[in-house]
Amino acid sequence: MTFKQRLPYFLGGLTIGIIVVTFFLGKKETTFDYLPNARVLKNIRIKDPIFSSEVLTLINSKKIDSTAISQILKNGDVDILNKIKLDSCTQYTIKGSRDLKNITLTVINCKSIATIENIVIQ
């Protein structure tokens, strides 16, 4: 068989394979969380967040909404190079992305809890 004869079989099999994989993985909520930024954000999101008193006053005064905090914890950029190791916890700085670029969170991530310590709105 020449290349021209094999190409339709290859493309047909590739198309069927893509459809099958999309069908099976479309039902699951699979994510690709293997990069450091995504792993840290997922680790923080799966824990119950605890807000410091400063953050609670910002939320109560309606300067920031809890949905904005959730969006930052989902799509934000973690400054992994400048993380601070505490006793058994790690402090991260997370900057918002897209329309939330002016918001920066300071999060202390422990084994069982994640505490949002500070929010800076520029």
PDB file of N, CA and C in Angstrom:
ATOM      1  N   MET A   1       0.837  -1.178   0.000  1.00  0.00           N
ATOM      2  CA  MET A   1       0.000   0.000   0.000  1.00  0.00           C
ATOM      3  C   MET A   1       0.883   1.244   0.000  1.00  0.00           C
ATOM      4  N   THR A   2       0.485   2.193  -0.766  1.00  0.00           N
ATOM      5  CA  THR A   2       1.223   3.447  -0.792  1.00  0.00           C
ATOM      6  C   THR A   2       0.700   4.363   0.310  1.00  0.00           C
ATOM      7  N   PHE A   3       1.395   5.467   0.457  1.00  0.00           N
ATOM      8  CA  PHE A   3       1.012   6.425   1.498  1.00  0.00           C
ATOM      9  C   PHE A   3      -0.377   7.001   1.226  1.00  0.00           C
ATOM     10  N   LYS A   4      -0.683   7.266  -0.019  1.00  0.00           N
ATOM     11  CA  LYS A   4      -1.994   7.826  -0.373  1.00  0.00           C
ATOM     12  C   LYS A   4      -3.126   6.850  -0.050  1.00  0.00           C
ATOM     13  N   GLN A   5      -2.860   5.561  -0.106  1.00  0.00           N
ATOM     14  CA  GLN A   5      -3.885   4.570   0.211  1.00  0.00           C
ATOM     15  C   GLN A   5      -4.030   4.394   1.727  1.00  0.00           C
ATOM     16  N   ARG A   6      -2.938   4.568   2.478  1.00  0.00           N
ATOM     17  CA  ARG A   6      -2.979   4.395   3.935  1.00  0.00           C
ATOM     18  C   ARG A   6      -3.537   5.614   4.660  1.00  0.00           C
ATOM     19  N   LEU A   7      -3.384   6.785   4.072  1.00  0.00           N
ATOM     20  CA  LEU A   7      -3.795   8.031   4.732  1.00  0.00           C
ATOM     21  C   LEU A   7      -5.288   8.058   5.081  1.00  0.00           C
ATOM     22  N   PRO A   8      -6.221   7.661   4.206  1.00  0.00           N
ATOM     23  CA  PRO A   8      -7.635   7.673   4.610  1.00  0.00           C
ATOM     24  C   PRO A   8      -7.940   6.723   5.772  1.00  0.00           C
ATOM     25  N   TYR A   9      -7.303   5.565   5.814  1.00  0.00           N
ATOM     26  CA  TYR A   9      -7.511   4.639   6.932  1.00  0.00           C
ATOM     27  C   TYR A   9      -7.013   5.243   8.243  1.00  0.00           C
ATOM     28  N   PHE A  10      -5.846   5.883   8.186  1.00  0.00           N
ATOM     29  CA  PHE A  10      -5.288   6.517   9.380  1.00  0.00           C
ATOM     30  C   PHE A  10      -6.201   7.631   9.866  1.00  0.00           C
ATOM     31  N   LEU A  11      -6.624   8.512   8.966  1.00  0.00           N
ATOM     32  CA  LEU A  11      -7.481   9.635   9.357  1.00  0.00           C
ATOM     33  C   LEU A  11      -8.845   9.167   9.854  1.00  0.00           C
ATOM     34  N   GLY A  12      -9.386   8.124   9.250  1.00  0.00           N
ATOM     35  CA  GLY A  12     -10.658   7.566   9.720  1.00  0.00           C
ATOM     36  C   GLY A  12     -10.532   6.999  11.125  1.00  0.00           C
ATOM     37  N   GLY A  13      -9.474   6.239  11.377  1.00  0.00           N
ATOM     38  CA  GLY A  13      -9.245   5.687  12.719  1.00  0.00           C
ATOM     39  C   GLY A  13      -8.982   6.769  13.745  1.00  0.00           C
ATOM     40  N   LEU A  14      -8.236   7.797  13.367  1.00  0.00           N
ATOM     41  CA  LEU A  14      -7.963   8.910  14.275  1.00  0.00           C
ATOM     42  C   LEU A  14      -9.249   9.644  14.634  1.00  0.00           C
ATOM     43  N   THR A  15     -10.103   9.858  13.659  1.00  0.00           N
ATOM     44  CA  THR A  15     -11.380  10.541  13.903  1.00  0.00           C
ATOM     45  C   THR A  15     -12.267   9.732  14.834  1.00  0.00           C
ATOM     46  N   ILE A  16     -12.372   8.438  14.594  1.00  0.00           N
ATOM     47  CA  ILE A  16     -13.185   7.573  15.459  1.00  0.00           C
ATOM     48  C   ILE A  16     -12.610   7.554  16.878  1.00  0.00           C
ATOM     49  N   GLY A  17     -11.302   7.495  16.997  1.00  0.00           N
ATOM     50  CA  GLY A  17     -10.657   7.499  18.311  1.00  0.00           C
ATOM     51  C   GLY A  17     -10.904   8.781  19.075  1.00  0.00           C
ATOM     52  N   ILE A  18     -10.831   9.919  18.390  1.00  0.00           N
ATOM     53  CA  ILE A  18     -11.088  11.203  19.042  1.00  0.00           C
ATOM     54  C   ILE A  18     -12.531  11.282  19.523  1.00  0.00           C
ATOM     55  N   ILE A  19     -13.456  10.804  18.718  1.00  0.00           N
ATOM     56  CA  ILE A  19     -14.871  10.826  19.103  1.00  0.00           C
ATOM     57  C   ILE A  19     -15.117   9.943  20.321  1.00  0.00           C
ATOM     58  N   VAL A  20     -14.519   8.766  20.351  1.00  0.00           N
ATOM     59  CA  VAL A  20     -14.702   7.852  21.485  1.00  0.00           C
ATOM     60  C   VAL A  20     -14.103   8.448  22.756  1.00  0.00           C
ATOM     61  N   VAL A  21     -12.899   8.991  22.670  1.00  0.00           N
ATOM     62  CA  VAL A  21     -12.263   9.576  23.847  1.00  0.00           C
ATOM     63  C   VAL A  21     -13.062  10.778  24.342  1.00  0.00           C
ATOM     64  N   THR A  22     -13.537  11.614  23.438  1.00  0.00           N
ATOM     65  CA  THR A  22     -14.353  12.763  23.827  1.00  0.00           C
ATOM     66  C   THR A  22     -15.656  12.318  24.485  1.00  0.00           C
ATOM     67  N   PHE A  23     -16.236  11.253  23.985  1.00  0.00           N
ATOM     68  CA  PHE A  23     -17.480  10.749  24.559  1.00  0.00           C
ATOM     69  C   PHE A  23     -17.264  10.263  25.986  1.00  0.00           C
ATOM     70  N   PHE A  24     -16.200   9.497  26.231  1.00  0.00           N
ATOM     71  CA  PHE A  24     -15.966   8.962  27.573  1.00  0.00           C
ATOM     72  C   PHE A  24     -15.459  10.025  28.539  1.00  0.00           C
ATOM     73  N   LEU A  25     -14.549  10.884  28.090  1.00  0.00           N
ATOM     74  CA  LEU A  25     -14.008  11.893  28.992  1.00  0.00           C
ATOM     75  C   LEU A  25     -14.933  13.096  29.135  1.00  0.00           C
ATOM     76  N   GLY A  26     -15.883  13.258  28.242  1.00  0.00           N
ATOM     77  CA  GLY A  26     -16.823  14.365  28.347  1.00  0.00           C
ATOM     78  C   GLY A  26     -17.767  14.194  29.519  1.00  0.00           C
ATOM     79  N   LYS A  27     -18.063  12.965  29.894  1.00  0.00           N
ATOM     80  CA  LYS A  27     -18.962  12.717  31.026  1.00  0.00           C
ATOM     81  C   LYS A  27     -18.257  12.933  32.363  1.00  0.00           C
ATOM     82  N   LYS A  28     -16.957  12.713  32.387  1.00  0.00           N
ATOM     83  CA  LYS A  28     -16.201  12.911  33.618  1.00  0.00           C
ATOM     84  C   LYS A  28     -15.719  14.351  33.666  1.00  0.00           C
ATOM     85  N   GLU A  29     -15.506  14.837  34.844  1.00  0.00           N
ATOM     86  CA  GLU A  29     -14.934  16.169  34.973  1.00  0.00           C
ATOM     87  C   GLU A  29     -13.437  16.031  35.184  1.00  0.00           C
ATOM     88  N   THR A  30     -12.752  15.608  34.137  1.00  0.00           N
ATOM     89  CA  THR A  30     -11.323  15.411  34.216  1.00  0.00           C
ATOM     90  C   THR A  30     -10.597  16.727  34.007  1.00  0.00           C
ATOM     91  N   THR A  31      -9.515  16.901  34.730  1.00  0.00           N
ATOM     92  CA  THR A  31      -8.697  18.089  34.581  1.00  0.00           C
ATOM     93  C   THR A  31      -7.242  17.674  34.468  1.00  0.00           C
ATOM     94  N   PHE A  32      -6.457  18.517  33.876  1.00  0.00           N
ATOM     95  CA  PHE A  32      -5.023  18.283  33.730  1.00  0.00           C
ATOM     96  C   PHE A  32      -4.317  19.138  34.768  1.00  0.00           C
ATOM     97  N   ASP A  33      -4.127  18.594  35.959  1.00  0.00           N
ATOM     98  CA  ASP A  33      -3.540  19.342  37.066  1.00  0.00           C
ATOM     99  C   ASP A  33      -2.145  18.827  37.396  1.00  0.00           C
ATOM    100  N   TYR A  34      -1.271  18.791  36.404  1.00  0.00           N
ATOM    101  CA  TYR A  34       0.065  18.279  36.630  1.00  0.00           C
ATOM    102  C   TYR A  34       1.109  19.377  36.698  1.00  0.00           C
ATOM    103  N   LEU A  35       0.780  20.562  36.264  1.00  0.00           N
ATOM    104  CA  LEU A  35       1.718  21.670  36.363  1.00  0.00           C
ATOM    105  C   LEU A  35       1.650  22.266  37.766  1.00  0.00           C
ATOM    106  N   PRO A  36       2.734  22.849  38.251  1.00  0.00           N
ATOM    107  CA  PRO A  36       2.765  23.340  39.638  1.00  0.00           C
ATOM    108  C   PRO A  36       1.669  24.353  39.967  1.00  0.00           C
ATOM    109  N   ASN A  37       1.397  25.277  39.067  1.00  0.00           N
ATOM    110  CA  ASN A  37       0.371  26.285  39.308  1.00  0.00           C
ATOM    111  C   ASN A  37      -0.991  25.634  39.524  1.00  0.00           C
ATOM    112  N   ALA A  38      -1.364  24.718  38.654  1.00  0.00           N
ATOM    113  CA  ALA A  38      -2.670  24.058  38.747  1.00  0.00           C
ATOM    114  C   ALA A  38      -2.753  23.158  39.980  1.00  0.00           C
ATOM    115  N   ARG A  39      -1.651  22.508  40.339  1.00  0.00           N
ATOM    116  CA  ARG A  39      -1.671  21.633  41.518  1.00  0.00           C
ATOM    117  C   ARG A  39      -1.899  22.428  42.794  1.00  0.00           C
ATOM    118  N   VAL A  40      -1.238  23.575  42.920  1.00  0.00           N
ATOM    119  CA  VAL A  40      -1.403  24.399  44.120  1.00  0.00           C
ATOM    120  C   VAL A  40      -2.828  24.932  44.204  1.00  0.00           C
ATOM    121  N   LEU A  41      -3.353  25.435  43.077  1.00  0.00           N
ATOM    122  CA  LEU A  41      -4.717  25.964  43.094  1.00  0.00           C
ATOM    123  C   LEU A  41      -5.741  24.882  43.411  1.00  0.00           C
ATOM    124  N   LYS A  42      -5.564  23.687  42.862  1.00  0.00           N
ATOM    125  CA  LYS A  42      -6.506  22.603  43.147  1.00  0.00           C
ATOM    126  C   LYS A  42      -6.422  22.179  44.611  1.00  0.00           C
ATOM    127  N   ASN A  43      -5.210  22.136  45.147  1.00  0.00           N
ATOM    128  CA  ASN A  43      -5.015  21.764  46.547  1.00  0.00           C
ATOM    129  C   ASN A  43      -5.704  22.764  47.469  1.00  0.00           C
ATOM    130  N   ILE A  44      -5.652  24.037  47.127  1.00  0.00           N
ATOM    131  CA  ILE A  44      -6.315  25.056  47.943  1.00  0.00           C
ATOM    132  C   ILE A  44      -7.825  24.969  47.779  1.00  0.00           C
ATOM    133  N   ARG A  45      -8.302  24.735  46.562  1.00  0.00           N
ATOM    134  CA  ARG A  45      -9.755  24.706  46.303  1.00  0.00           C
ATOM    135  C   ARG A  45     -10.461  23.544  46.976  1.00  0.00           C
ATOM    136  N   ILE A  46      -9.802  22.391  47.138  1.00  0.00           N
ATOM    137  CA  ILE A  46     -10.493  21.233  47.702  1.00  0.00           C
ATOM    138  C   ILE A  46     -10.680  21.352  49.210  1.00  0.00           C
ATOM    139  N   LYS A  47      -9.999  22.297  49.826  1.00  0.00           N
ATOM    140  CA  LYS A  47     -10.138  22.492  51.270  1.00  0.00           C
ATOM    141  C   LYS A  47     -11.178  23.573  51.550  1.00  0.00           C
ATOM    142  N   ASP A  48     -11.758  23.528  52.737  1.00  0.00           N
ATOM    143  CA  ASP A  48     -12.689  24.574  53.138  1.00  0.00           C
ATOM    144  C   ASP A  48     -11.899  25.851  53.421  1.00  0.00           C
ATOM    145  N   PRO A  49     -12.243  26.935  52.734  1.00  0.00           N
ATOM    146  CA  PRO A  49     -11.475  28.169  52.963  1.00  0.00           C
ATOM    147  C   PRO A  49     -11.866  28.831  54.277  1.00  0.00           C
ATOM    148  N   ILE A  50     -10.872  29.373  54.945  1.00  0.00           N
ATOM    149  CA  ILE A  50     -11.085  30.142  56.158  1.00  0.00           C
ATOM    150  C   ILE A  50     -10.609  31.558  55.852  1.00  0.00           C
ATOM    151  N   PHE A  51     -11.468  32.537  56.130  1.00  0.00           N
ATOM    152  CA  PHE A  51     -11.147  33.927  55.844  1.00  0.00           C
ATOM    153  C   PHE A  51     -10.667  34.613  57.106  1.00  0.00           C
ATOM    154  N   SER A  52      -9.626  35.425  56.981  1.00  0.00           N
ATOM    155  CA  SER A  52      -9.164  36.203  58.123  1.00  0.00           C
ATOM    156  C   SER A  52     -10.140  37.360  58.349  1.00  0.00           C
ATOM    157  N   SER A  53      -9.967  38.063  59.455  1.00  0.00           N
ATOM    158  CA  SER A  53     -10.877  39.156  59.777  1.00  0.00           C
ATOM    159  C   SER A  53     -10.767  40.293  58.755  1.00  0.00           C
ATOM    160  N   GLU A  54      -9.562  40.532  58.223  1.00  0.00           N
ATOM    161  CA  GLU A  54      -9.382  41.574  57.199  1.00  0.00           C
ATOM    162  C   GLU A  54     -10.168  41.238  55.939  1.00  0.00           C
ATOM    163  N   VAL A  55     -10.118  39.994  55.548  1.00  0.00           N
ATOM    164  CA  VAL A  55     -10.815  39.562  54.338  1.00  0.00           C
ATOM    165  C   VAL A  55     -12.322  39.623  54.551  1.00  0.00           C
ATOM    166  N   LEU A  56     -12.776  39.234  55.730  1.00  0.00           N
ATOM    167  CA  LEU A  56     -14.208  39.293  56.021  1.00  0.00           C
ATOM    168  C   LEU A  56     -14.736  40.729  55.995  1.00  0.00           C
ATOM    169  N   THR A  57     -13.946  41.689  56.458  1.00  0.00           N
ATOM    170  CA  THR A  57     -14.389  43.079  56.388  1.00  0.00           C
ATOM    171  C   THR A  57     -14.450  43.559  54.940  1.00  0.00           C
ATOM    172  N   LEU A  58     -13.524  43.110  54.090  1.00  0.00           N
ATOM    173  CA  LEU A  58     -13.595  43.471  52.671  1.00  0.00           C
ATOM    174  C   LEU A  58     -14.829  42.867  52.002  1.00  0.00           C
ATOM    175  N   ILE A  59     -15.149  41.633  52.352  1.00  0.00           N
ATOM    176  CA  ILE A  59     -16.332  40.984  51.776  1.00  0.00           C
ATOM    177  C   ILE A  59     -17.600  41.655  52.274  1.00  0.00           C
ATOM    178  N   ASN A  60     -17.667  41.969  53.571  1.00  0.00           N
ATOM    179  CA  ASN A  60     -18.861  42.602  54.136  1.00  0.00           C
ATOM    180  C   ASN A  60     -19.045  44.028  53.639  1.00  0.00           C
ATOM    181  N   SER A  61     -17.946  44.718  53.349  1.00  0.00           N
ATOM    182  CA  SER A  61     -18.066  46.082  52.826  1.00  0.00           C
ATOM    183  C   SER A  61     -18.280  46.094  51.317  1.00  0.00           C
ATOM    184  N   LYS A  62     -18.373  44.916  50.736  1.00  0.00           N
ATOM    185  CA  LYS A  62     -18.678  44.727  49.311  1.00  0.00           C
ATOM    186  C   LYS A  62     -17.611  45.293  48.383  1.00  0.00           C
ATOM    187  N   LYS A  63     -16.362  45.358  48.865  1.00  0.00           N
ATOM    188  CA  LYS A  63     -15.264  45.751  47.984  1.00  0.00           C
ATOM    189  C   LYS A  63     -14.839  44.594  47.090  1.00  0.00           C
ATOM    190  N   ILE A  64     -15.094  43.384  47.570  1.00  0.00           N
ATOM    191  CA  ILE A  64     -14.798  42.188  46.785  1.00  0.00           C
ATOM    192  C   ILE A  64     -15.887  41.164  47.076  1.00  0.00           C
ATOM    193  N   ASP A  65     -16.163  40.344  46.092  1.00  0.00           N
ATOM    194  CA  ASP A  65     -17.202  39.333  46.209  1.00  0.00           C
ATOM    195  C   ASP A  65     -16.547  37.966  46.387  1.00  0.00           C
ATOM    196  N   SER A  66     -17.239  37.053  47.048  1.00  0.00           N
ATOM    197  CA  SER A  66     -16.683  35.712  47.238  1.00  0.00           C
ATOM    198  C   SER A  66     -16.567  34.956  45.916  1.00  0.00           C
ATOM    199  N   THR A  67     -17.377  35.318  44.931  1.00  0.00           N
ATOM    200  CA  THR A  67     -17.230  34.679  43.616  1.00  0.00           C
ATOM    201  C   THR A  67     -15.949  35.116  42.938  1.00  0.00           C
ATOM    202  N   ALA A  68     -15.516  36.346  43.175  1.00  0.00           N
ATOM    203  CA  ALA A  68     -14.235  36.800  42.623  1.00  0.00           C
ATOM    204  C   ALA A  68     -13.085  36.024  43.255  1.00  0.00           C
ATOM    205  N   ILE A  69     -13.193  35.757  44.557  1.00  0.00           N
ATOM    206  CA  ILE A  69     -12.164  34.959  45.233  1.00  0.00           C
ATOM    207  C   ILE A  69     -12.144  33.550  44.659  1.00  0.00           C
ATOM    208  N   SER A  70     -13.311  32.977  44.419  1.00  0.00           N
ATOM    209  CA  SER A  70     -13.380  31.644  43.834  1.00  0.00           C
ATOM    210  C   SER A  70     -12.781  31.617  42.433  1.00  0.00           C
ATOM    211  N   GLN A  71     -13.036  32.660  41.647  1.00  0.00           N
ATOM    212  CA  GLN A  71     -12.472  32.731  40.295  1.00  0.00           C
ATOM    213  C   GLN A  71     -10.958  32.821  40.349  1.00  0.00           C
ATOM    214  N   ILE A  72     -10.418  33.589  41.285  1.00  0.00           N
ATOM    215  CA  ILE A  72      -8.968  33.706  41.413  1.00  0.00           C
ATOM    216  C   ILE A  72      -8.373  32.368  41.835  1.00  0.00           C
ATOM    217  N   LEU A  73      -9.051  31.659  42.744  1.00  0.00           N
ATOM    218  CA  LEU A  73      -8.556  30.352  43.176  1.00  0.00           C
ATOM    219  C   LEU A  73      -8.712  29.300  42.084  1.00  0.00           C
ATOM    220  N   LYS A  74      -9.466  29.600  41.058  1.00  0.00           N
ATOM    221  CA  LYS A  74      -9.625  28.661  39.949  1.00  0.00           C
ATOM    222  C   LYS A  74      -8.686  28.990  38.790  1.00  0.00           C
ATOM    223  N   ASN A  75      -8.533  30.268  38.470  1.00  0.00           N
ATOM    224  CA  ASN A  75      -7.778  30.662  37.282  1.00  0.00           C
ATOM    225  C   ASN A  75      -6.590  31.561  37.571  1.00  0.00           C
ATOM    226  N   GLY A  76      -6.233  31.753  38.827  1.00  0.00           N
ATOM    227  CA  GLY A  76      -5.174  32.693  39.176  1.00  0.00           C
ATOM    228  C   GLY A  76      -3.783  32.194  38.847  1.00  0.00           C
ATOM    229  N   ASP A  77      -2.827  33.099  39.013  1.00  0.00           N
ATOM    230  CA  ASP A  77      -1.416  32.785  38.789  1.00  0.00           C
ATOM    231  C   ASP A  77      -0.702  32.756  40.131  1.00  0.00           C
ATOM    232  N   VAL A  78      -0.163  31.599  40.486  1.00  0.00           N
ATOM    233  CA  VAL A  78       0.517  31.421  41.763  1.00  0.00           C
ATOM    234  C   VAL A  78       1.985  31.805  41.593  1.00  0.00           C
ATOM    235  N   ASP A  79       2.485  32.617  42.514  1.00  0.00           N
ATOM    236  CA  ASP A  79       3.901  32.976  42.515  1.00  0.00           C
ATOM    237  C   ASP A  79       4.647  31.899  43.295  1.00  0.00           C
ATOM    238  N   ILE A  80       4.992  30.821  42.606  1.00  0.00           N
ATOM    239  CA  ILE A  80       5.583  29.659  43.256  1.00  0.00           C
ATOM    240  C   ILE A  80       7.022  29.918  43.690  1.00  0.00           C
ATOM    241  N   LEU A  81       7.738  30.766  42.955  1.00  0.00           N
ATOM    242  CA  LEU A  81       9.133  31.018  43.295  1.00  0.00           C
ATOM    243  C   LEU A  81       9.292  31.782  44.600  1.00  0.00           C
ATOM    244  N   ASN A  82       8.288  32.553  44.986  1.00  0.00           N
ATOM    245  CA  ASN A  82       8.372  33.354  46.207  1.00  0.00           C
ATOM    246  C   ASN A  82       7.474  32.823  47.314  1.00  0.00           C
ATOM    247  N   LYS A  83       7.274  31.513  47.358  1.00  0.00           N
ATOM    248  CA  LYS A  83       6.473  30.939  48.437  1.00  0.00           C
ATOM    249  C   LYS A  83       7.264  30.976  49.734  1.00  0.00           C
ATOM    250  N   ILE A  84       6.548  31.064  50.833  1.00  0.00           N
ATOM    251  CA  ILE A  84       7.179  31.145  52.146  1.00  0.00           C
ATOM    252  C   ILE A  84       6.784  29.905  52.928  1.00  0.00           C
ATOM    253  N   LYS A  85       7.787  29.144  53.366  1.00  0.00           N
ATOM    254  CA  LYS A  85       7.535  27.950  54.174  1.00  0.00           C
ATOM    255  C   LYS A  85       7.379  28.359  55.627  1.00  0.00           C
ATOM    256  N   LEU A  86       6.258  28.007  56.202  1.00  0.00           N
ATOM    257  CA  LEU A  86       6.014  28.209  57.622  1.00  0.00           C
ATOM    258  C   LEU A  86       6.201  26.864  58.309  1.00  0.00           C
ATOM    259  N   ASP A  87       5.772  26.702  59.563  1.00  0.00           N
ATOM    260  CA  ASP A  87       5.989  25.457  60.300  1.00  0.00           C
ATOM    261  C   ASP A  87       5.574  24.236  59.481  1.00  0.00           C
ATOM    262  N   SER A  88       4.295  24.042  59.309  1.00  0.00           N
ATOM    263  CA  SER A  88       3.810  22.919  58.516  1.00  0.00           C
ATOM    264  C   SER A  88       2.959  23.405  57.351  1.00  0.00           C
ATOM    265  N   CYS A  89       3.023  24.699  57.099  1.00  0.00           N
ATOM    266  CA  CYS A  89       2.194  25.313  56.058  1.00  0.00           C
ATOM    267  C   CYS A  89       3.077  26.057  55.070  1.00  0.00           C
ATOM    268  N   THR A  90       2.462  26.473  53.977  1.00  0.00           N
ATOM    269  CA  THR A  90       3.154  27.252  52.964  1.00  0.00           C
ATOM    270  C   THR A  90       2.295  28.452  52.601  1.00  0.00           C
ATOM    271  N   GLN A  91       2.927  29.608  52.501  1.00  0.00           N
ATOM    272  CA  GLN A  91       2.210  30.829  52.153  1.00  0.00           C
ATOM    273  C   GLN A  91       2.451  31.131  50.677  1.00  0.00           C
ATOM    274  N   TYR A  92       1.363  31.321  49.933  1.00  0.00           N
ATOM    275  CA  TYR A  92       1.428  31.606  48.510  1.00  0.00           C
ATOM    276  C   TYR A  92       0.798  32.960  48.227  1.00  0.00           C
ATOM    277  N   THR A  93       1.283  33.608  47.185  1.00  0.00           N
ATOM    278  CA  THR A  93       0.683  34.821  46.659  1.00  0.00           C
ATOM    279  C   THR A  93       0.044  34.463  45.326  1.00  0.00           C
ATOM    280  N   ILE A  94      -1.244  34.734  45.193  1.00  0.00           N
ATOM    281  CA  ILE A  94      -1.993  34.371  43.984  1.00  0.00           C
ATOM    282  C   ILE A  94      -2.549  35.642  43.367  1.00  0.00           C
ATOM    283  N   LYS A  95      -2.181  35.883  42.122  1.00  0.00           N
ATOM    284  CA  LYS A  95      -2.659  37.064  41.403  1.00  0.00           C
ATOM    285  C   LYS A  95      -3.805  36.661  40.493  1.00  0.00           C
ATOM    286  N   GLY A  96      -4.780  37.523  40.393  1.00  0.00           N
ATOM    287  CA  GLY A  96      -5.919  37.264  39.524  1.00  0.00           C
ATOM    288  C   GLY A  96      -5.524  37.337  38.059  1.00  0.00           C
ATOM    289  N   SER A  97      -6.323  36.715  37.228  1.00  0.00           N
ATOM    290  CA  SER A  97      -6.069  36.759  35.794  1.00  0.00           C
ATOM    291  C   SER A  97      -7.241  37.435  35.097  1.00  0.00           C
ATOM    292  N   ARG A  98      -7.009  37.850  33.889  1.00  0.00           N
ATOM    293  CA  ARG A  98      -7.999  38.519  33.028  1.00  0.00           C
ATOM    294  C   ARG A  98      -8.543  39.781  33.676  1.00  0.00           C
ATOM    295  N   ASP A  99      -9.829  39.828  33.946  1.00  0.00           N
ATOM    296  CA  ASP A  99     -10.436  41.041  34.478  1.00  0.00           C
ATOM    297  C   ASP A  99     -10.207  41.221  35.980  1.00  0.00           C
ATOM    298  N   LEU A 100      -9.599  40.249  36.633  1.00  0.00           N
ATOM    299  CA  LEU A 100      -9.302  40.345  38.072  1.00  0.00           C
ATOM    300  C   LEU A 100      -7.803  40.544  38.316  1.00  0.00           C
ATOM    301  N   LYS A 101      -7.088  41.142  37.364  1.00  0.00           N
ATOM    302  CA  LYS A 101      -5.638  41.308  37.476  1.00  0.00           C
ATOM    303  C   LYS A 101      -5.235  42.234  38.612  1.00  0.00           C
ATOM    304  N   ASN A 102      -6.129  43.088  39.039  1.00  0.00           N
ATOM    305  CA  ASN A 102      -5.783  44.047  40.081  1.00  0.00           C
ATOM    306  C   ASN A 102      -5.957  43.485  41.494  1.00  0.00           C
ATOM    307  N   ILE A 103      -6.306  42.203  41.614  1.00  0.00           N
ATOM    308  CA  ILE A 103      -6.531  41.593  42.928  1.00  0.00           C
ATOM    309  C   ILE A 103      -5.459  40.549  43.205  1.00  0.00           C
ATOM    310  N   THR A 104      -4.877  40.614  44.393  1.00  0.00           N
ATOM    311  CA  THR A 104      -3.852  39.659  44.814  1.00  0.00           C
ATOM    312  C   THR A 104      -4.259  39.055  46.152  1.00  0.00           C
ATOM    313  N   LEU A 105      -4.242  37.729  46.223  1.00  0.00           N
ATOM    314  CA  LEU A 105      -4.575  37.019  47.456  1.00  0.00           C
ATOM    315  C   LEU A 105      -3.302  36.500  48.112  1.00  0.00           C
ATOM    316  N   THR A 106      -3.296  36.493  49.429  1.00  0.00           N
ATOM    317  CA  THR A 106      -2.251  35.827  50.191  1.00  0.00           C
ATOM    318  C   THR A 106      -2.916  34.667  50.919  1.00  0.00           C
ATOM    319  N   VAL A 107      -2.484  33.439  50.592  1.00  0.00           N
ATOM    320  CA  VAL A 107      -3.126  32.236  51.110  1.00  0.00           C
ATOM    321  C   VAL A 107      -2.100  31.418  51.873  1.00  0.00           C
ATOM    322  N   ILE A 108      -2.482  30.969  53.064  1.00  0.00           N
ATOM    323  CA  ILE A 108      -1.652  30.038  53.828  1.00  0.00           C
ATOM    324  C   ILE A 108      -2.280  28.659  53.679  1.00  0.00           C
ATOM    325  N   ASN A 109      -1.543  27.765  53.046  1.00  0.00           N
ATOM    326  CA  ASN A 109      -2.044  26.436  52.715  1.00  0.00           C
ATOM    327  C   ASN A 109      -1.428  25.411  53.671  1.00  0.00           C
ATOM    328  N   CYS A 110      -2.270  24.846  54.539  1.00  0.00           N
ATOM    329  CA  CYS A 110      -1.833  23.786  55.450  1.00  0.00           C
ATOM    330  C   CYS A 110      -2.381  22.456  54.949  1.00  0.00           C
ATOM    331  N   LYS A 111      -2.147  21.384  55.706  1.00  0.00           N
ATOM    332  CA  LYS A 111      -2.589  20.060  55.262  1.00  0.00           C
ATOM    333  C   LYS A 111      -4.105  19.931  55.213  1.00  0.00           C
ATOM    334  N   SER A 112      -4.805  20.510  56.176  1.00  0.00           N
ATOM    335  CA  SER A 112      -6.257  20.314  56.225  1.00  0.00           C
ATOM    336  C   SER A 112      -7.061  21.580  55.974  1.00  0.00           C
ATOM    337  N   ILE A 113      -6.445  22.755  56.073  1.00  0.00           N
ATOM    338  CA  ILE A 113      -7.178  23.998  55.865  1.00  0.00           C
ATOM    339  C   ILE A 113      -6.376  24.945  54.969  1.00  0.00           C
ATOM    340  N   ALA A 114      -7.083  25.855  54.357  1.00  0.00           N
ATOM    341  CA  ALA A 114      -6.462  26.928  53.576  1.00  0.00           C
ATOM    342  C   ALA A 114      -7.036  28.248  54.085  1.00  0.00           C
ATOM    343  N   THR A 115      -6.167  29.119  54.558  1.00  0.00           N
ATOM    344  CA  THR A 115      -6.594  30.375  55.132  1.00  0.00           C
ATOM    345  C   THR A 115      -6.242  31.514  54.181  1.00  0.00           C
ATOM    346  N   ILE A 116      -7.237  32.303  53.808  1.00  0.00           N
ATOM    347  CA  ILE A 116      -7.012  33.455  52.988  1.00  0.00           C
ATOM    348  C   ILE A 116      -6.723  34.611  53.943  1.00  0.00           C
ATOM    349  N   GLU A 117      -5.457  35.001  54.005  1.00  0.00           N
ATOM    350  CA  GLU A 117      -4.994  35.957  55.002  1.00  0.00           C
ATOM    351  C   GLU A 117      -5.221  37.408  54.600  1.00  0.00           C
ATOM    352  N   ASN A 118      -4.961  37.721  53.327  1.00  0.00           N
ATOM    353  CA  ASN A 118      -4.985  39.107  52.915  1.00  0.00           C
ATOM    354  C   ASN A 118      -5.413  39.220  51.464  1.00  0.00           C
ATOM    355  N   ILE A 119      -6.080  40.318  51.158  1.00  0.00           N
ATOM    356  CA  ILE A 119      -6.460  40.624  49.779  1.00  0.00           C
ATOM    357  C   ILE A 119      -6.005  42.051  49.497  1.00  0.00           C
ATOM    358  N   VAL A 120      -5.266  42.213  48.419  1.00  0.00           N
ATOM    359  CA  VAL A 120      -4.812  43.534  48.020  1.00  0.00           C
ATOM    360  C   VAL A 120      -5.496  43.886  46.704  1.00  0.00           C
ATOM    361  N   ILE A 121      -6.228  44.999  46.707  1.00  0.00           N
ATOM    362  CA  ILE A 121      -6.903  45.498  45.510  1.00  0.00           C
ATOM    363  C   ILE A 121      -6.167  46.747  45.073  1.00  0.00           C
ATOM    364  N   GLN A 122      -5.626  46.707  43.864  1.00  0.00           N
ATOM    365  CA  GLN A 122      -4.827  47.843  43.380  1.00  0.00           C
ATOM    366  C   GLN A 122      -5.636  48.737  42.489  1.00  0.00           C
TER     367      GLN A 122
END
